[in-house]
Amino acid sequence: MYLPLPSFHGRRQIARRLRSSVAALGAALLIAAAIVVAAHPPQSHAARGSAHAAKHKKKHRRRVNHNGHYLSLARQGIYNSYRNWWNPGKQWFNDRMNDTDQYPLGTIWTLFPLWEALSGVAIAQPTSAHRNEVAWFANTAETYFNSLMQGYGPYPGSHTRDEIWFDDNAWWGLGFVDAYRATRDRRYLDDAARGIQFLNSYGWDRKHHRMRWSTAVQNQGSNLETLGGATALAGELYEYTGNKTYRNIARKYIRWADKKGTRRHRGKSLYESRDEPALSYVEGTFIAGHLALCRKGDHRACRRAWSLGAKAYKHWRHRDPFYNPPADSILFRYVLQLAGDKRALRLSREVHPYTTPRQLYEWARRAAEDALNNARVHGLFIKFWDGTAASKHHDGYRSYRYGQLMTHAAPVALLAWLGVVHRPKH
């Protein structure tokens, strides 16, 4: 709140009364200053710089703990998304703040974190208002379906034979699954099924047993992020529908990933390949796929989910991977689900007895604290979670820009999922 400027009435009279006092005080201050300078010579520029740096460093290290307020912070982050990225003319969200591009609206990868934030809040606090907001978002998300291509395109209302990315169909499908979890409207499971049908029919390269990159680019390396997303989507569809077709698809992808995507110990280490190191959202989505099968009674999947979570915890040394906000939030939302899953916990002691649910929960919580303490500018998550500018980052095929919605919404989604999962006792 800004206070009104004080009145200037009577300033001349006040000045006359103070003039004589100021003159006397000035003389006294000059004498005092001379004494101080004599006793303490002025610092050199280098000394002053060192003192300033030490003070700044000390200030930078001081962190604020937001434990217990994550859900309210998530709601505030969602509100800020509307306030700063809403396009009133298009009635949808822009990709960037003040976006003046010809096509300013958010793509699937841009908007997936915001959708996750909305669903997370609605699952944590299932009020009518929260559920209705998720339903409204999911209904608009359906406009991304390209009927000519039979898959979800990157931009709303795209109904031409344009390039479609297969990983987008995994993310959008997972968004629909969480919309079902929030609203219990089975319509959204049908929407999610469109994503896995497109992935399995057109994205899965049966000859080489790997996922294609897009409808225009067939081969872009191992593409484990798409395979992981498809595994998570198939697994969760099986979990919520009981349709064994989805179980078989998930297991097919897992078999290939265990054979070709685990370099150190086949089927027992993190998912990575020669051209693709361990990435946060790859490990996160495979945790999700195994965990979904675990919830349907697959004990081997329970052990593998916990093993994967524990190995990721060790691999990144209990710290945030700092890959990019959307990818890291995908890892941690599934780490949180793993930490809160009792089925996986019962079998966890057989594979990694020294990694506890609380450790995994705290790992995700510390990542959220990194974002809260390092990434915010005037209340918006503008920077990456280590405090660096988004424009300094490039992940091989995507450059990040200042003021993108996904940079802001990704930590908001993580805050929402922290509100869903209770802190484990052990």
Protein backbone atom coordinates (compact mmCIF):
# COMPACT_ATOMS: atom_id res chain seq x y z
CA MET A 1 0.00 0.00 0.00
CA TYR A 2 1.29 3.46 -0.91
CA LEU A 3 0.83 6.24 1.66
CA PRO A 4 -0.29 9.72 0.48
CA LEU A 5 2.41 12.36 0.17
CA PRO A 6 2.58 14.70 3.20
CA SER A 7 1.29 18.27 2.86
CA PHE A 8 3.83 21.04 2.23
CA HIS A 9 1.76 23.70 4.01
CA GLY A 10 3.82 25.68 6.50
CA ARG A 11 7.18 24.47 5.27
CA ARG A 12 8.67 28.00 5.14
CA GLN A 13 7.80 28.66 8.78
CA ILE A 14 9.31 25.33 9.82
CA ALA A 15 12.47 26.08 7.82
CA ARG A 16 12.99 29.45 9.58
CA ARG A 17 12.70 27.83 13.00
CA LEU A 18 15.18 25.09 12.09
CA ARG A 19 17.73 27.25 10.28
CA SER A 20 19.53 28.47 13.37
CA SER A 21 19.47 25.01 14.98
CA VAL A 22 20.85 23.39 11.83
CA ALA A 23 23.74 25.83 11.67
CA ALA A 24 24.75 25.05 15.24
CA LEU A 25 24.31 21.33 14.69
CA GLY A 26 26.36 21.44 11.49
CA ALA A 27 29.31 22.96 13.28
CA ALA A 28 29.16 20.29 15.94
CA LEU A 29 28.98 17.53 13.32
CA LEU A 30 32.05 18.84 11.49
CA ILE A 31 34.08 18.64 14.68
CA ALA A 32 32.81 15.13 15.40
CA ALA A 33 33.56 13.99 11.85
CA ALA A 34 37.11 15.21 12.10
CA ILE A 35 37.61 13.20 15.27
CA VAL A 36 36.15 10.04 13.68
CA VAL A 37 38.27 10.34 10.52
CA ALA A 38 41.40 10.76 12.59
CA ALA A 39 40.61 7.67 14.61
CA HIS A 40 39.41 5.56 11.63
CA PRO A 41 41.09 6.30 8.26
CA PRO A 42 38.85 5.71 5.21
CA GLN A 43 38.88 2.22 3.68
CA SER A 44 40.41 1.58 0.30
CA HIS A 45 38.14 0.74 -2.63
CA ALA A 46 39.18 -2.91 -2.36
CA ALA A 47 38.42 -3.06 1.34
CA ARG A 48 35.04 -1.44 0.84
CA GLY A 49 34.29 -3.89 -1.97
CA SER A 50 35.23 -6.88 0.19
CA ALA A 51 33.05 -5.65 3.02
CA HIS A 52 30.11 -5.12 0.66
CA ALA A 53 30.57 -8.56 -0.89
CA ALA A 54 30.71 -10.22 2.52
CA LYS A 55 27.55 -8.39 3.58
CA HIS A 56 25.78 -9.36 0.33
CA LYS A 57 26.93 -12.97 0.63
CA LYS A 58 25.64 -13.17 4.18
CA LYS A 59 22.32 -11.70 3.11
CA HIS A 60 22.08 -14.09 0.16
CA ARG A 61 22.62 -17.13 2.36
CA ARG A 62 19.76 -16.32 4.68
CA ARG A 63 16.78 -18.45 3.69
CA VAL A 64 13.17 -18.24 4.75
CA ASN A 65 11.39 -21.50 5.58
CA HIS A 66 7.84 -21.61 4.18
CA ASN A 67 6.88 -24.98 5.65
CA GLY A 68 3.15 -25.20 6.38
CA HIS A 69 2.21 -22.51 3.85
CA TYR A 70 2.74 -24.35 0.57
CA LEU A 71 -0.90 -24.67 -0.40
CA SER A 72 -1.64 -20.99 0.18
CA LEU A 73 1.51 -20.12 -1.78
CA ALA A 74 0.27 -22.35 -4.62
CA ARG A 75 -3.07 -20.54 -4.68
CA GLN A 76 -1.27 -17.20 -4.75
CA GLY A 77 0.91 -18.45 -7.62
CA ILE A 78 -2.18 -19.45 -9.60
CA TYR A 79 -3.73 -16.04 -8.98
CA ASN A 80 -0.53 -14.40 -10.24
CA SER A 81 -0.73 -16.54 -13.38
CA TYR A 82 -4.11 -15.06 -14.21
CA ARG A 83 -2.95 -11.58 -13.34
CA ASN A 84 0.20 -11.61 -15.47
CA TRP A 85 -0.35 -14.11 -18.31
CA TRP A 86 -4.07 -13.96 -19.04
CA ASN A 87 -4.97 -12.79 -22.56
CA PRO A 88 -8.44 -11.17 -22.30
CA GLY A 89 -8.87 -11.02 -26.06
CA LYS A 90 -8.14 -14.72 -26.58
CA GLN A 91 -9.60 -15.78 -23.22
CA TRP A 92 -6.59 -17.98 -22.52
CA PHE A 93 -3.05 -17.79 -21.19
CA ASN A 94 -0.10 -16.32 -23.05
CA ASP A 95 3.25 -18.04 -23.30
CA ARG A 96 5.11 -14.98 -21.95
CA MET A 97 4.24 -11.81 -20.12
CA ASN A 98 3.32 -8.98 -22.48
CA ASP A 99 3.55 -11.38 -25.42
CA THR A 100 3.02 -9.58 -28.73
CA ASP A 101 3.84 -12.50 -31.04
CA GLN A 102 1.46 -13.43 -33.84
CA TYR A 103 0.61 -16.59 -31.89
CA PRO A 104 0.96 -15.53 -28.26
CA LEU A 105 -0.94 -18.31 -26.49
CA GLY A 106 0.73 -20.96 -24.40
CA THR A 107 1.71 -24.29 -25.92
CA ILE A 108 1.22 -27.65 -24.23
CA TRP A 109 4.66 -27.63 -22.58
CA THR A 110 4.07 -24.06 -21.40
CA LEU A 111 0.69 -24.77 -19.81
CA PHE A 112 1.16 -28.27 -18.41
CA PRO A 113 2.65 -26.99 -15.10
CA LEU A 114 -0.24 -24.58 -14.54
CA TRP A 115 -2.75 -27.37 -15.17
CA GLU A 116 -0.90 -29.53 -12.65
CA ALA A 117 -1.03 -26.69 -10.12
CA LEU A 118 -4.80 -26.33 -10.55
CA SER A 119 -5.35 -30.08 -10.20
CA GLY A 120 -3.05 -30.33 -7.20
CA VAL A 121 -4.92 -27.59 -5.34
CA ALA A 122 -8.28 -29.19 -6.19
CA ILE A 123 -7.12 -32.60 -4.95
CA ALA A 124 -5.76 -31.08 -1.74
CA GLN A 125 -8.82 -28.87 -1.20
CA PRO A 126 -11.74 -30.43 -3.15
CA THR A 127 -14.10 -27.46 -3.08
CA SER A 128 -16.64 -26.88 -5.83
CA ALA A 129 -14.78 -23.78 -6.97
CA HIS A 130 -11.46 -25.64 -7.29
CA ARG A 131 -13.03 -28.60 -9.11
CA ASN A 132 -14.89 -26.29 -11.48
CA GLU A 133 -11.67 -24.46 -12.30
CA VAL A 134 -9.96 -27.73 -13.21
CA ALA A 135 -12.95 -28.74 -15.35
CA TRP A 136 -12.88 -25.38 -17.15
CA PHE A 137 -9.17 -25.76 -17.88
CA ALA A 138 -9.58 -29.38 -19.04
CA ASN A 139 -12.46 -28.44 -21.34
CA THR A 140 -10.29 -25.79 -22.98
CA ALA A 141 -7.39 -28.26 -23.15
CA GLU A 142 -9.56 -30.43 -25.40
CA THR A 143 -9.28 -27.75 -28.10
CA TYR A 144 -5.62 -28.74 -28.56
CA PHE A 145 -6.75 -32.01 -30.17
CA ASN A 146 -5.95 -32.09 -33.88
CA SER A 147 -8.55 -34.38 -35.46
CA LEU A 148 -6.65 -34.59 -38.76
CA MET A 149 -3.53 -35.87 -36.99
CA GLN A 150 -5.40 -37.78 -34.26
CA GLY A 151 -3.22 -36.27 -31.56
CA TYR A 152 -2.81 -33.21 -29.37
CA GLY A 153 -1.10 -30.37 -31.20
CA PRO A 154 1.05 -27.75 -29.51
CA TYR A 155 -1.36 -24.84 -30.05
CA PRO A 156 -5.11 -24.52 -29.37
CA GLY A 157 -7.39 -24.89 -32.37
CA SER A 158 -4.68 -26.35 -34.63
CA HIS A 159 -6.61 -28.44 -37.14
CA THR A 160 -4.14 -28.73 -40.01
CA ARG A 161 -1.52 -31.33 -40.86
CA ASP A 162 1.17 -29.60 -38.86
CA GLU A 163 4.00 -31.17 -36.88
CA ILE A 164 2.93 -32.75 -33.59
CA TRP A 165 5.35 -33.71 -30.83
CA PHE A 166 4.82 -37.06 -29.17
CA ASP A 167 5.96 -35.97 -25.72
CA ASP A 168 3.24 -33.28 -25.77
CA ASN A 169 0.65 -36.06 -25.96
CA ALA A 170 2.16 -37.68 -22.88
CA TRP A 171 2.07 -34.45 -20.84
CA TRP A 172 -1.42 -33.49 -21.97
CA GLY A 173 -2.66 -37.02 -21.33
CA LEU A 174 -1.25 -36.93 -17.80
CA GLY A 175 -2.95 -33.58 -17.32
CA PHE A 176 -6.29 -35.17 -18.21
CA VAL A 177 -5.66 -38.03 -15.77
CA ASP A 178 -5.08 -35.54 -12.95
CA ALA A 179 -8.18 -33.63 -14.05
CA TYR A 180 -10.09 -36.88 -13.56
CA ARG A 181 -8.54 -37.30 -10.11
CA ALA A 182 -9.68 -33.79 -9.20
CA THR A 183 -13.19 -33.91 -10.69
CA ARG A 184 -14.03 -37.64 -11.02
CA ASP A 185 -15.40 -36.90 -14.48
CA ARG A 186 -14.55 -39.97 -16.61
CA ARG A 187 -14.76 -37.85 -19.73
CA TYR A 188 -11.19 -36.79 -19.00
CA LEU A 189 -9.97 -40.39 -18.94
CA ASP A 190 -11.29 -40.67 -22.50
CA ASP A 191 -9.32 -37.54 -23.36
CA ALA A 192 -6.20 -39.06 -21.78
CA ALA A 193 -6.74 -42.26 -23.77
CA ARG A 194 -6.47 -40.25 -26.99
CA GLY A 195 -2.94 -39.33 -25.99
CA ILE A 196 -1.73 -42.88 -25.38
CA GLN A 197 -3.47 -44.17 -28.52
CA PHE A 198 -1.64 -41.56 -30.60
CA LEU A 199 1.67 -42.36 -28.90
CA ASN A 200 1.35 -46.10 -29.29
CA SER A 201 0.03 -45.98 -32.87
CA TYR A 202 2.29 -43.32 -34.37
CA GLY A 203 5.02 -42.56 -31.85
CA TRP A 204 6.25 -46.06 -31.08
CA ASP A 205 8.83 -47.21 -33.62
CA ARG A 206 8.18 -50.94 -33.74
CA LYS A 207 11.21 -51.65 -35.91
CA HIS A 208 13.76 -49.96 -33.64
CA HIS A 209 11.73 -50.25 -30.42
CA ARG A 210 11.91 -46.61 -29.40
CA MET A 211 9.82 -43.47 -29.39
CA ARG A 212 9.84 -41.09 -32.32
CA TRP A 213 10.44 -37.40 -31.73
CA SER A 214 7.55 -35.92 -33.72
CA THR A 215 5.43 -36.55 -36.78
CA ALA A 216 8.05 -34.69 -38.83
CA VAL A 217 11.27 -35.90 -37.16
CA GLN A 218 11.49 -39.66 -36.78
CA ASN A 219 14.78 -40.08 -34.94
CA GLN A 220 16.08 -37.72 -32.26
CA GLY A 221 18.20 -40.03 -30.14
CA SER A 222 16.89 -42.20 -27.34
CA ASN A 223 14.02 -39.81 -26.55
CA LEU A 224 13.61 -41.26 -23.07
CA GLU A 225 11.50 -38.31 -21.91
CA THR A 226 8.73 -39.27 -24.34
CA LEU A 227 9.04 -42.95 -23.45
CA GLY A 228 8.86 -42.11 -19.75
CA GLY A 229 5.84 -39.88 -20.22
CA ALA A 230 4.08 -42.56 -22.28
CA THR A 231 4.87 -45.18 -19.62
CA ALA A 232 3.41 -42.98 -16.88
CA LEU A 233 0.31 -42.25 -18.96
CA ALA A 234 -0.32 -45.91 -19.84
CA GLY A 235 0.27 -46.98 -16.24
CA GLU A 236 -2.09 -44.40 -14.77
CA LEU A 237 -4.80 -45.18 -17.30
CA TYR A 238 -4.56 -48.82 -16.27
CA GLU A 239 -4.72 -47.77 -12.61
CA TYR A 240 -7.94 -45.78 -13.06
CA THR A 241 -9.71 -47.84 -15.74
CA GLY A 242 -8.53 -51.39 -15.07
CA ASN A 243 -8.12 -51.86 -18.83
CA LYS A 244 -5.30 -54.39 -19.28
CA THR A 245 -4.45 -52.96 -22.69
CA TYR A 246 -2.88 -49.99 -20.93
CA ARG A 247 -1.02 -52.30 -18.55
CA ASN A 248 0.45 -54.19 -21.48
CA ILE A 249 1.54 -50.95 -23.16
CA ALA A 250 3.22 -49.73 -19.98
CA ARG A 251 5.05 -53.03 -19.51
CA LYS A 252 6.17 -53.03 -23.14
CA TYR A 253 7.76 -49.61 -22.73
CA ILE A 254 9.34 -50.60 -19.41
CA ARG A 255 10.87 -53.76 -20.92
CA TRP A 256 12.51 -51.73 -23.67
CA ALA A 257 13.68 -49.04 -21.23
CA ASP A 258 15.14 -51.65 -18.87
CA LYS A 259 16.99 -53.26 -21.77
CA LYS A 260 18.22 -50.19 -23.64
CA GLY A 261 17.84 -47.31 -21.21
CA THR A 262 19.72 -48.52 -18.13
CA ARG A 263 23.44 -48.40 -18.78
CA ARG A 264 25.03 -49.61 -15.54
CA HIS A 265 22.84 -52.47 -14.36
CA ARG A 266 20.13 -53.61 -16.73
CA GLY A 267 16.74 -52.80 -15.26
CA LYS A 268 18.18 -51.80 -11.88
CA SER A 269 19.65 -48.32 -12.30
CA LEU A 270 18.51 -44.89 -13.42
CA TYR A 271 17.17 -44.53 -16.95
CA GLU A 272 19.80 -43.03 -19.23
CA SER A 273 21.58 -43.77 -22.49
CA ARG A 274 24.74 -42.85 -24.36
CA ASP A 275 23.14 -39.76 -25.86
CA GLU A 276 20.92 -38.86 -22.90
CA PRO A 277 22.13 -38.68 -19.29
CA ALA A 278 19.86 -39.12 -16.30
CA LEU A 279 17.26 -36.33 -16.52
CA SER A 280 14.86 -35.29 -13.80
CA TYR A 281 11.62 -35.72 -15.73
CA VAL A 282 12.72 -39.03 -17.23
CA GLU A 283 13.27 -40.55 -13.80
CA GLY A 284 10.09 -38.92 -12.50
CA THR A 285 7.84 -40.34 -15.20
CA PHE A 286 9.28 -43.84 -14.88
CA ILE A 287 8.68 -43.65 -11.12
CA ALA A 288 5.08 -42.75 -12.00
CA GLY A 289 4.71 -45.67 -14.40
CA HIS A 290 6.07 -48.23 -11.94
CA LEU A 291 4.05 -46.73 -9.09
CA ALA A 292 0.80 -46.96 -11.06
CA LEU A 293 1.42 -50.67 -11.72
CA CYS A 294 2.36 -51.09 -8.07
CA ARG A 295 -1.01 -49.73 -6.99
CA LYS A 296 -2.68 -52.45 -9.04
CA GLY A 297 -0.84 -55.17 -7.14
CA ASP A 298 2.43 -55.56 -9.08
CA HIS A 299 5.00 -56.10 -6.29
CA ARG A 300 7.94 -56.03 -8.69
CA ALA A 301 6.82 -52.59 -9.86
CA CYS A 302 6.62 -51.45 -6.23
CA ARG A 303 10.23 -52.45 -5.64
CA ARG A 304 11.39 -50.84 -8.87
CA ALA A 305 9.55 -47.58 -8.12
CA TRP A 306 11.20 -47.33 -4.73
CA SER A 307 14.60 -48.35 -6.07
CA LEU A 308 14.35 -45.68 -8.76
CA GLY A 309 13.36 -43.00 -6.25
CA ALA A 310 16.21 -43.94 -3.92
CA LYS A 311 18.77 -44.01 -6.73
CA ALA A 312 17.61 -40.60 -7.99
CA TYR A 313 17.89 -39.27 -4.43
CA LYS A 314 21.48 -40.52 -4.27
CA HIS A 315 22.38 -39.51 -7.83
CA TRP A 316 21.49 -35.86 -7.29
CA ARG A 317 22.98 -35.94 -3.78
CA HIS A 318 19.71 -35.06 -2.07
CA ARG A 319 19.61 -31.74 -3.96
CA ASP A 320 17.63 -30.15 -6.74
CA PRO A 321 18.92 -31.29 -10.16
CA PHE A 322 18.51 -27.68 -11.43
CA TYR A 323 17.79 -28.95 -14.95
CA ASN A 324 14.79 -26.74 -15.71
CA PRO A 325 11.71 -25.89 -13.64
CA PRO A 326 9.06 -27.86 -15.60
CA ALA A 327 11.23 -30.99 -15.73
CA ASP A 328 12.26 -30.80 -12.08
CA SER A 329 8.67 -30.30 -10.94
CA ILE A 330 7.70 -33.49 -12.81
CA LEU A 331 10.37 -35.41 -10.90
CA PHE A 332 9.37 -34.09 -7.51
CA ARG A 333 5.60 -34.46 -7.86
CA TYR A 334 6.13 -38.20 -8.43
CA VAL A 335 8.77 -38.42 -5.71
CA LEU A 336 6.12 -36.99 -3.38
CA GLN A 337 3.58 -39.58 -4.54
CA LEU A 338 6.16 -42.30 -3.91
CA ALA A 339 6.89 -40.94 -0.43
CA GLY A 340 3.21 -41.08 0.44
CA ASP A 341 2.44 -44.52 -1.02
CA LYS A 342 2.03 -47.23 1.63
CA ARG A 343 2.20 -50.13 -0.84
CA ALA A 344 5.62 -49.12 -2.09
CA LEU A 345 6.80 -48.41 1.45
CA ARG A 346 6.01 -51.94 2.64
CA LEU A 347 8.35 -53.37 0.01
CA SER A 348 10.94 -50.58 0.07
CA ARG A 349 12.97 -52.12 2.88
CA GLU A 350 13.84 -55.05 0.64
CA VAL A 351 15.60 -52.88 -1.94
CA HIS A 352 16.70 -49.65 -0.22
CA PRO A 353 16.21 -49.88 3.55
CA TYR A 354 18.24 -46.73 4.22
CA THR A 355 16.10 -44.38 2.14
CA THR A 356 12.98 -43.33 3.98
CA PRO A 357 9.74 -41.67 2.84
CA ARG A 358 10.57 -38.62 4.93
CA GLN A 359 13.91 -38.23 3.15
CA LEU A 360 12.18 -38.26 -0.23
CA TYR A 361 9.54 -35.81 0.98
CA GLU A 362 12.19 -33.46 2.37
CA TRP A 363 14.10 -33.67 -0.90
CA ALA A 364 11.07 -32.35 -2.76
CA ARG A 365 10.38 -29.77 -0.07
CA ARG A 366 13.93 -28.40 -0.24
CA ALA A 367 13.57 -28.01 -4.01
CA ALA A 368 10.43 -25.93 -3.44
CA GLU A 369 12.32 -23.84 -0.91
CA ASP A 370 15.06 -23.28 -3.51
CA ALA A 371 12.45 -21.84 -5.84
CA LEU A 372 10.83 -19.72 -3.14
CA ASN A 373 14.14 -18.27 -1.98
CA ASN A 374 16.00 -17.91 -5.29
CA ALA A 375 13.58 -17.69 -8.22
CA ARG A 376 11.05 -15.00 -7.30
CA VAL A 377 11.05 -11.47 -8.65
CA HIS A 378 8.25 -9.29 -7.24
CA GLY A 379 6.32 -12.40 -6.26
CA LEU A 380 6.66 -14.16 -9.64
CA PHE A 381 8.90 -17.17 -10.29
CA ILE A 382 10.89 -15.57 -13.09
CA LYS A 383 14.30 -17.18 -12.53
CA PHE A 384 15.43 -20.77 -12.38
CA TRP A 385 15.54 -22.36 -8.94
CA ASP A 386 19.25 -21.70 -8.47
CA GLY A 387 18.64 -17.97 -9.00
CA THR A 388 20.04 -17.77 -12.54
CA ALA A 389 18.24 -15.98 -15.36
CA ALA A 390 16.02 -18.17 -17.54
CA SER A 391 17.54 -16.69 -20.69
CA LYS A 392 20.92 -18.22 -19.80
CA HIS A 393 19.59 -21.76 -20.16
CA HIS A 394 19.28 -24.00 -23.19
CA ASP A 395 18.56 -27.73 -22.95
CA GLY A 396 19.62 -28.88 -26.39
CA TYR A 397 16.47 -28.08 -28.38
CA ARG A 398 14.75 -25.31 -26.43
CA SER A 399 15.88 -21.85 -25.34
CA TYR A 400 14.21 -20.30 -22.32
CA ARG A 401 13.11 -16.67 -22.27
CA TYR A 402 12.31 -14.08 -19.65
CA GLY A 403 8.77 -14.09 -18.29
CA GLN A 404 7.57 -17.47 -19.56
CA LEU A 405 4.54 -18.91 -17.82
CA MET A 406 6.07 -22.37 -17.48
CA THR A 407 8.98 -20.97 -15.46
CA HIS A 408 6.49 -19.46 -13.02
CA ALA A 409 3.92 -22.27 -12.97
CA ALA A 410 6.32 -25.20 -12.46
CA PRO A 411 7.24 -24.36 -8.84
CA VAL A 412 3.60 -23.43 -8.21
CA ALA A 413 2.67 -26.99 -9.22
CA LEU A 414 5.28 -28.40 -6.84
CA LEU A 415 3.87 -26.27 -4.02
CA ALA A 416 0.40 -27.65 -4.78
CA TRP A 417 1.61 -31.27 -4.66
CA LEU A 418 3.32 -30.56 -1.34
CA GLY A 419 -0.14 -29.64 -0.13
CA VAL A 420 -1.53 -32.98 -1.36
CA VAL A 421 1.01 -35.29 0.31
CA HIS A 422 1.37 -35.20 4.09
CA ARG A 423 4.86 -35.24 5.55
CA PRO A 424 5.70 -38.86 6.44
CA LYS A 425 6.48 -39.67 10.07
CA HIS A 426 9.57 -41.71 9.22
